[in-house]
Amino acid sequence: MRAWRIGAYGEPADVMALGEAPVPEAGPGEVLIRNRAVAVNFPDVLLARGQYQERPPLPFTPGIELCGEVAALGPGAERFAVGQRVVATAIGVMAEYAAVPEASVHEAPDALDDAAAAAFLIAYQTAWFGLHRRANIQSGETLLVHAAAGGVGTAACQLGAVAGAEVIGVVGSEAKARVAEASGAARVLLRGEDWAGAVKAAGGADVVFDPVGGAAFTGSARAVGFEGRIVVVGFASGEVPPVRADHALVKNYSVLGLHWALYQRRRPDLVAEAHAELTRLAAEGAVRPVVSAAVPFADAAQAVQRLADGGTTGRLVVAVGE
C-alpha cells in the first residue's frame, strides 16, 4: 500500500515522504480499515515537528483521523462488519489502510460524504466536550470562539449556535470572518483589533473556547465575564500562557482544560453518546464540517504544510483514492 512516512523531525513539507509499506493486519481488538479520506489536523503538524504529546518512534506514519470501510476484523473485534463505512481516530492513518483499536471506531454518519465524515469526529467531539461537558454552556449565554474559521472553531460556532448561545468569533482576516459567520457566529472580530475590549464592553463572555493560547488566552482573561469559563483546547499559537490564579479569583472565572483523547481512553461511553448526538445533528443538517479542499493523496504533505502555515479555513481532507 501507499503510505506517508516521517523519518526525521521538521516542517511537514520537508520531512513527509510517500512510499510503499505492507498492508497491516488487524491484531486482537483491532479493525483494519481501507481508507477513503484522511482529515488533516494540527496534531499532524506537531507530530512532524516532534512537538506532539505523543511521539511515535521514528520512522512513523502521520495522520490521526479517517473515513473508510472495514476490510477485516481482528480477534475479539465484534462491533462492526466487513464493508461497513466507519470513521476512526488513531495515530498512523495517512495510508491506504490502517489497523486501529476497535474502541476508536464509530459508524460514519450517513448524512456526510467521505470528506466531511473524515473531518467530523475529532473537531466536533472536541467542541462538544468543551462546550457541554466542561463549560456546561446554557442557552442565552455568550460564547467567544477563537480561530473561529478553523476546523474546530467552525465546529464550536455551529454547536454553540445549536445550543442557543450568542456566538462571537475571533479570526485573523475579513475572508475568514465570512467563514465564521456562515458557521453561526452572530458577530466576528478581527484578531488585530481590540477584540477583548469589545467583548468586555458588551458584557463579557460566559464561555470562551480557546484552541490558540498565547495572546488569545491573555485577552480572554480580560474579556471573560462574571462566573465565566475559559476552555483551554490547545496552543496553535505555539505559546503556552500562564494562568494567573489571582486574576481568576478577583473576577470569579474558571479555567478548564480539555484533552478530548483522554475521554476516549477513560470514558468511551461518553464519546459514544456524543457521537450519537452529533450524528443526529448532522442528519438534521444542524452541523456539517466546513471542508475547504479535498486534495489527492500525493499532495498530503503540502496540505499538512498549508495548515502549519496558518492560512487555511475549515478543514483540509486528503482523498486517499486519488
Protein backbone atom coordinates (compact mmCIF):
# COMPACT_ATOMS: atom_id res chain seq x y z
CA MET A 1 0.00 0.00 0.00
CA ARG A 2 0.97 3.66 -0.31
CA ALA A 3 1.80 5.31 3.00
CA TRP A 4 3.25 8.62 4.12
CA ARG A 5 6.22 8.34 6.47
CA ILE A 6 8.20 10.72 8.68
CA GLY A 7 11.83 9.77 9.27
CA ALA A 8 13.10 12.97 10.93
CA TYR A 9 11.53 15.95 12.67
CA GLY A 10 10.94 19.22 10.85
CA GLU A 11 8.40 21.08 8.76
CA PRO A 12 5.82 18.71 7.19
CA ALA A 13 6.72 19.53 3.59
CA ASP A 14 10.36 18.73 4.34
CA VAL A 15 10.03 15.51 6.35
CA MET A 16 6.93 13.75 4.99
CA ALA A 17 7.76 11.22 2.26
CA LEU A 18 5.42 9.00 0.26
CA GLY A 19 6.44 5.36 -0.08
CA GLU A 20 5.31 1.75 -0.04
CA ALA A 21 4.56 -0.26 3.10
CA PRO A 22 2.99 -3.65 3.87
CA VAL A 23 -0.75 -3.65 4.47
CA PRO A 24 -1.12 -4.05 8.25
CA GLU A 25 -3.00 -6.93 9.83
CA ALA A 26 -5.81 -6.44 12.32
CA GLY A 27 -4.49 -7.57 15.68
CA PRO A 28 -6.56 -8.52 18.74
CA GLY A 29 -9.30 -5.98 19.29
CA GLU A 30 -8.39 -4.08 16.11
CA VAL A 31 -10.23 -3.15 12.93
CA LEU A 32 -8.45 -2.97 9.57
CA ILE A 33 -9.87 -0.08 7.55
CA ARG A 34 -9.49 0.63 3.84
CA ASN A 35 -9.22 4.40 3.95
CA ARG A 36 -11.31 6.62 1.71
CA ALA A 37 -10.36 10.01 3.17
CA VAL A 38 -7.98 11.27 5.87
CA ALA A 39 -8.54 14.66 7.52
CA VAL A 40 -5.59 16.96 8.19
CA ASN A 41 -5.32 18.03 11.84
CA PHE A 42 -2.96 20.35 13.69
CA PRO A 43 -1.53 17.37 15.61
CA ASP A 44 -0.16 16.22 12.23
CA VAL A 45 1.92 19.39 12.19
CA LEU A 46 3.10 18.80 15.75
CA LEU A 47 3.88 15.14 15.02
CA ALA A 48 6.09 16.19 12.09
CA ARG A 49 7.90 18.69 14.30
CA GLY A 50 8.29 16.28 17.20
CA GLN A 51 6.20 18.55 19.42
CA TYR A 52 3.10 16.42 19.98
CA GLN A 53 2.42 14.97 23.44
CA GLU A 54 2.75 11.50 21.92
CA ARG A 55 5.96 10.83 19.98
CA PRO A 56 5.88 7.60 17.95
CA PRO A 57 9.35 6.17 17.30
CA LEU A 58 10.89 7.27 14.01
CA PRO A 59 10.06 6.46 11.29
CA PHE A 60 6.29 6.57 11.61
CA THR A 61 3.14 7.28 9.62
CA PRO A 62 1.28 10.51 10.46
CA GLY A 63 -2.45 11.10 10.18
CA ILE A 64 -4.93 10.78 13.04
CA GLU A 65 -8.46 10.84 11.58
CA LEU A 66 -10.16 8.95 8.75
CA CYS A 67 -13.26 7.75 6.98
CA GLY A 68 -13.18 4.36 5.30
CA GLU A 69 -14.69 0.91 5.15
CA VAL A 70 -13.97 -2.11 7.30
CA ALA A 71 -11.64 -4.50 5.47
CA ALA A 72 -11.04 -7.08 8.22
CA LEU A 73 -11.64 -7.68 11.93
CA GLY A 74 -9.05 -8.85 14.41
CA PRO A 75 -9.74 -11.42 17.14
CA GLY A 76 -12.26 -10.07 19.63
CA ALA A 77 -13.44 -7.19 17.42
CA GLU A 78 -17.20 -7.68 17.09
CA ARG A 79 -18.93 -4.29 16.84
CA PHE A 80 -18.54 -3.81 13.09
CA ALA A 81 -18.96 -5.78 9.87
CA VAL A 82 -16.66 -6.06 6.88
CA GLY A 83 -17.67 -3.44 4.32
CA GLN A 84 -19.25 -1.13 6.88
CA ARG A 85 -18.48 2.58 6.46
CA VAL A 86 -16.81 3.99 9.55
CA VAL A 87 -14.84 6.90 10.98
CA ALA A 88 -11.92 6.47 13.36
CA THR A 89 -9.05 8.23 15.06
CA ALA A 90 -5.58 6.88 15.80
CA ILE A 91 -2.03 7.96 15.06
CA GLY A 92 -0.68 6.49 11.84
CA VAL A 93 -3.58 6.55 9.38
CA MET A 94 -2.15 8.62 6.48
CA ALA A 95 -2.04 5.49 4.33
CA GLU A 96 -4.30 3.39 2.14
CA TYR A 97 -5.03 1.01 5.04
CA ALA A 98 -4.90 1.41 8.81
CA ALA A 99 -5.33 -1.03 11.69
CA VAL A 100 -6.88 0.83 14.62
CA PRO A 101 -8.32 -0.13 18.04
CA GLU A 102 -11.99 -1.00 17.81
CA ALA A 103 -12.76 1.44 20.65
CA SER A 104 -11.68 4.34 18.41
CA VAL A 105 -14.01 3.35 15.55
CA HIS A 106 -17.56 4.67 15.05
CA GLU A 107 -20.23 4.39 12.37
CA ALA A 108 -19.86 7.08 9.72
CA PRO A 109 -22.85 9.48 9.61
CA ASP A 110 -24.98 8.68 6.57
CA ALA A 111 -25.65 12.39 6.07
CA LEU A 112 -21.98 13.14 5.39
CA ASP A 113 -19.88 12.23 2.35
CA ASP A 114 -16.44 10.70 2.85
CA ALA A 115 -14.56 14.01 3.03
CA ALA A 116 -16.96 15.55 5.55
CA ALA A 117 -17.14 12.34 7.58
CA ALA A 118 -13.34 12.18 7.79
CA ALA A 119 -13.35 15.69 9.27
CA PHE A 120 -16.23 15.05 11.66
CA LEU A 121 -15.00 13.03 14.61
CA ILE A 122 -12.23 14.96 16.35
CA ALA A 123 -13.38 18.55 15.75
CA TYR A 124 -17.00 18.03 16.74
CA GLN A 125 -16.19 15.77 19.68
CA THR A 126 -13.70 18.38 20.90
CA ALA A 127 -16.21 21.19 20.55
CA TRP A 128 -18.99 19.13 22.13
CA PHE A 129 -16.98 18.12 25.18
CA GLY A 130 -15.56 21.61 25.56
CA LEU A 131 -18.92 23.36 25.42
CA HIS A 132 -21.17 20.84 27.14
CA ARG A 133 -19.08 18.57 29.36
CA ARG A 134 -16.52 21.13 30.56
CA ALA A 135 -18.25 24.52 30.29
CA ASN A 136 -21.90 23.41 30.65
CA ILE A 137 -22.98 26.07 28.20
CA GLN A 138 -26.56 27.33 28.50
CA SER A 139 -28.99 28.85 26.04
CA GLY A 140 -28.74 32.63 26.07
CA GLU A 141 -25.10 32.73 27.15
CA THR A 142 -22.37 34.44 25.16
CA LEU A 143 -19.75 32.16 23.60
CA LEU A 144 -16.41 33.55 22.39
CA VAL A 145 -14.64 31.27 19.88
CA HIS A 146 -11.01 31.80 18.89
CA ALA A 147 -9.80 30.69 15.44
CA ALA A 148 -13.49 30.66 14.55
CA ALA A 149 -12.83 29.92 10.86
CA GLY A 150 -10.68 26.86 11.55
CA GLY A 151 -11.75 23.24 11.74
CA VAL A 152 -12.52 23.01 15.45
CA GLY A 153 -13.54 26.69 15.55
CA THR A 154 -16.27 26.28 12.94
CA ALA A 155 -17.49 23.19 14.83
CA ALA A 156 -17.64 25.22 18.07
CA CYS A 157 -19.52 28.03 16.32
CA GLN A 158 -22.07 25.59 14.89
CA LEU A 159 -22.59 23.74 18.16
CA GLY A 160 -22.74 26.97 20.15
CA ALA A 161 -25.46 28.29 17.87
CA VAL A 162 -27.35 24.98 18.15
CA ALA A 163 -27.15 25.29 21.95
CA GLY A 164 -28.78 28.71 21.77
CA ALA A 165 -25.69 30.76 22.61
CA GLU A 166 -24.80 34.16 21.16
CA VAL A 167 -21.61 33.29 19.30
CA ILE A 168 -18.76 35.77 18.85
CA GLY A 169 -15.89 34.63 16.66
CA VAL A 170 -12.33 35.93 16.56
CA VAL A 171 -10.47 35.49 13.26
CA GLY A 172 -7.39 36.77 11.50
CA SER A 173 -8.86 38.29 8.34
CA GLU A 174 -12.02 39.54 6.66
CA ALA A 175 -12.08 36.46 4.42
CA LYS A 176 -12.06 34.21 7.47
CA ALA A 177 -14.82 36.32 9.02
CA ARG A 178 -17.23 35.18 6.30
CA VAL A 179 -16.49 31.53 7.12
CA ALA A 180 -17.16 32.11 10.83
CA GLU A 181 -20.41 33.92 10.08
CA ALA A 182 -21.57 31.08 7.85
CA SER A 183 -20.86 28.70 10.74
CA GLY A 184 -23.13 30.52 13.17
CA ALA A 185 -21.14 33.42 14.60
CA ALA A 186 -23.51 36.36 15.12
CA ARG A 187 -20.55 38.74 15.46
CA VAL A 188 -16.98 38.38 14.21
CA LEU A 189 -13.99 40.38 15.46
CA LEU A 190 -10.52 40.60 13.97
CA ARG A 191 -7.53 39.38 15.96
CA GLY A 192 -5.53 42.51 15.14
CA GLU A 193 -8.09 44.80 16.74
CA ASP A 194 -9.13 45.26 20.38
CA TRP A 195 -11.47 42.29 20.35
CA ALA A 196 -11.08 41.75 24.10
CA GLY A 197 -12.17 45.31 24.83
CA ALA A 198 -15.14 44.97 22.50
CA VAL A 199 -16.32 41.76 24.18
CA LYS A 200 -15.80 43.21 27.66
CA ALA A 201 -17.74 46.37 26.73
CA ALA A 202 -20.62 44.19 25.53
CA GLY A 203 -20.87 42.46 28.92
CA GLY A 204 -18.18 39.82 28.68
CA ALA A 205 -18.19 36.22 27.53
CA ASP A 206 -19.80 33.48 29.59
CA VAL A 207 -17.79 30.78 27.81
CA VAL A 208 -14.51 31.09 25.89
CA PHE A 209 -13.37 28.30 23.56
CA ASP A 210 -9.62 28.70 23.01
CA PRO A 211 -7.56 26.41 20.76
CA VAL A 212 -4.96 29.15 20.22
CA GLY A 213 -3.35 30.06 23.57
CA GLY A 214 -0.80 32.85 23.87
CA ALA A 215 -2.27 36.31 23.42
CA ALA A 216 -5.72 34.80 22.77
CA PHE A 217 -5.81 33.38 26.31
CA THR A 218 -4.47 36.60 27.84
CA GLY A 219 -7.16 38.62 26.08
CA SER A 220 -9.81 36.07 27.05
CA ALA A 221 -9.00 36.55 30.74
CA ARG A 222 -9.74 40.23 30.19
CA ALA A 223 -12.91 39.59 28.20
CA VAL A 224 -14.47 36.80 30.27
CA GLY A 225 -17.43 37.80 32.40
CA PHE A 226 -18.51 37.05 35.98
CA GLU A 227 -18.50 33.29 36.60
CA GLY A 228 -17.31 32.76 33.03
CA ARG A 229 -15.47 29.66 31.88
CA ILE A 230 -12.39 29.60 29.66
CA VAL A 231 -11.93 26.22 27.98
CA VAL A 232 -8.28 25.61 27.04
CA VAL A 233 -8.27 23.35 23.96
CA GLY A 234 -4.76 23.79 22.59
CA PHE A 235 -1.92 26.13 21.73
CA ALA A 236 -1.92 26.64 17.97
CA SER A 237 -0.05 29.91 18.52
CA GLY A 238 2.90 27.92 19.86
CA GLU A 239 2.76 29.81 23.16
CA VAL A 240 1.51 28.26 26.40
CA PRO A 241 0.26 31.19 28.50
CA PRO A 242 0.48 31.36 32.30
CA VAL A 243 -2.74 31.10 34.29
CA ARG A 244 -2.96 33.83 36.92
CA ALA A 245 -4.78 32.41 39.91
CA ASP A 246 -5.09 35.86 41.50
CA HIS A 247 -6.86 37.20 38.40
CA ALA A 248 -9.26 34.24 38.33
CA LEU A 249 -10.05 34.86 41.99
CA VAL A 250 -10.74 38.58 41.53
CA LYS A 251 -13.07 38.03 38.54
CA ASN A 252 -14.63 34.72 39.64
CA TYR A 253 -13.91 32.85 36.42
CA SER A 254 -12.75 29.29 35.79
CA VAL A 255 -10.05 27.89 33.53
CA LEU A 256 -10.95 24.41 32.27
CA GLY A 257 -8.63 22.08 30.41
CA LEU A 258 -9.85 19.82 27.62
CA HIS A 259 -7.86 16.84 26.37
CA TRP A 260 -10.50 15.01 24.36
CA ALA A 261 -8.40 11.90 23.71
CA LEU A 262 -8.40 11.29 27.46
CA TYR A 263 -12.17 10.79 27.31
CA GLN A 264 -11.70 8.26 24.53
CA ARG A 265 -9.35 6.30 26.80
CA ARG A 266 -11.14 6.73 30.14
CA ARG A 267 -14.82 7.37 29.28
CA PRO A 268 -15.54 5.83 25.87
CA ASP A 269 -19.19 5.65 26.90
CA LEU A 270 -19.37 9.45 26.88
CA VAL A 271 -17.67 9.56 23.48
CA ALA A 272 -20.23 7.11 22.06
CA GLU A 273 -23.10 9.18 23.49
CA ALA A 274 -21.68 12.35 21.99
CA HIS A 275 -21.19 10.66 18.60
CA ALA A 276 -24.82 9.56 18.57
CA GLU A 277 -26.00 13.09 19.34
CA LEU A 278 -23.65 14.67 16.79
CA THR A 279 -24.75 12.14 14.15
CA ARG A 280 -28.35 13.15 14.84
CA LEU A 281 -27.48 16.83 14.41
CA ALA A 282 -25.69 16.05 11.14
CA ALA A 283 -28.74 14.14 9.88
CA GLU A 284 -30.90 17.18 10.70
CA GLY A 285 -28.49 19.48 8.84
CA ALA A 286 -27.72 21.44 12.00
CA VAL A 287 -23.97 20.75 11.77
CA ARG A 288 -21.63 19.93 8.92
CA PRO A 289 -17.84 20.12 8.66
CA VAL A 290 -16.56 23.00 6.58
CA VAL A 291 -14.28 21.22 4.09
CA SER A 292 -12.35 23.90 2.23
CA ALA A 293 -10.47 21.46 -0.01
CA ALA A 294 -10.05 17.75 -0.72
CA VAL A 295 -6.58 17.10 -2.14
CA PRO A 296 -5.12 14.00 -3.84
CA PHE A 297 -3.20 11.54 -1.70
CA ALA A 298 0.08 12.55 -3.36
CA ASP A 299 -0.41 16.12 -2.08
CA ALA A 300 -0.83 15.23 1.61
CA ALA A 301 2.49 16.76 2.71
CA GLN A 302 1.62 20.08 1.09
CA ALA A 303 -1.80 20.01 2.77
CA VAL A 304 -0.28 19.49 6.22
CA GLN A 305 2.18 22.31 5.49
CA ARG A 306 -0.68 24.63 4.50
CA LEU A 307 -2.25 24.01 7.89
CA ALA A 308 1.10 24.62 9.59
CA ASP A 309 1.44 27.96 7.78
CA GLY A 310 -1.87 29.15 9.21
CA GLY A 311 -3.69 30.29 6.08
CA THR A 312 -6.44 27.67 5.91
CA THR A 313 -10.12 27.85 6.74
CA GLY A 314 -12.31 24.93 7.74
CA ARG A 315 -10.80 21.52 7.10
CA LEU A 316 -8.38 20.09 4.54
CA VAL A 317 -9.01 16.45 3.62
CA VAL A 318 -6.81 14.00 1.75
CA ALA A 319 -8.71 11.84 -0.75
CA VAL A 320 -6.91 8.52 -0.41
CA GLY A 321 -8.16 7.03 -3.68
CA GLU A 322 -6.95 9.96 -5.78
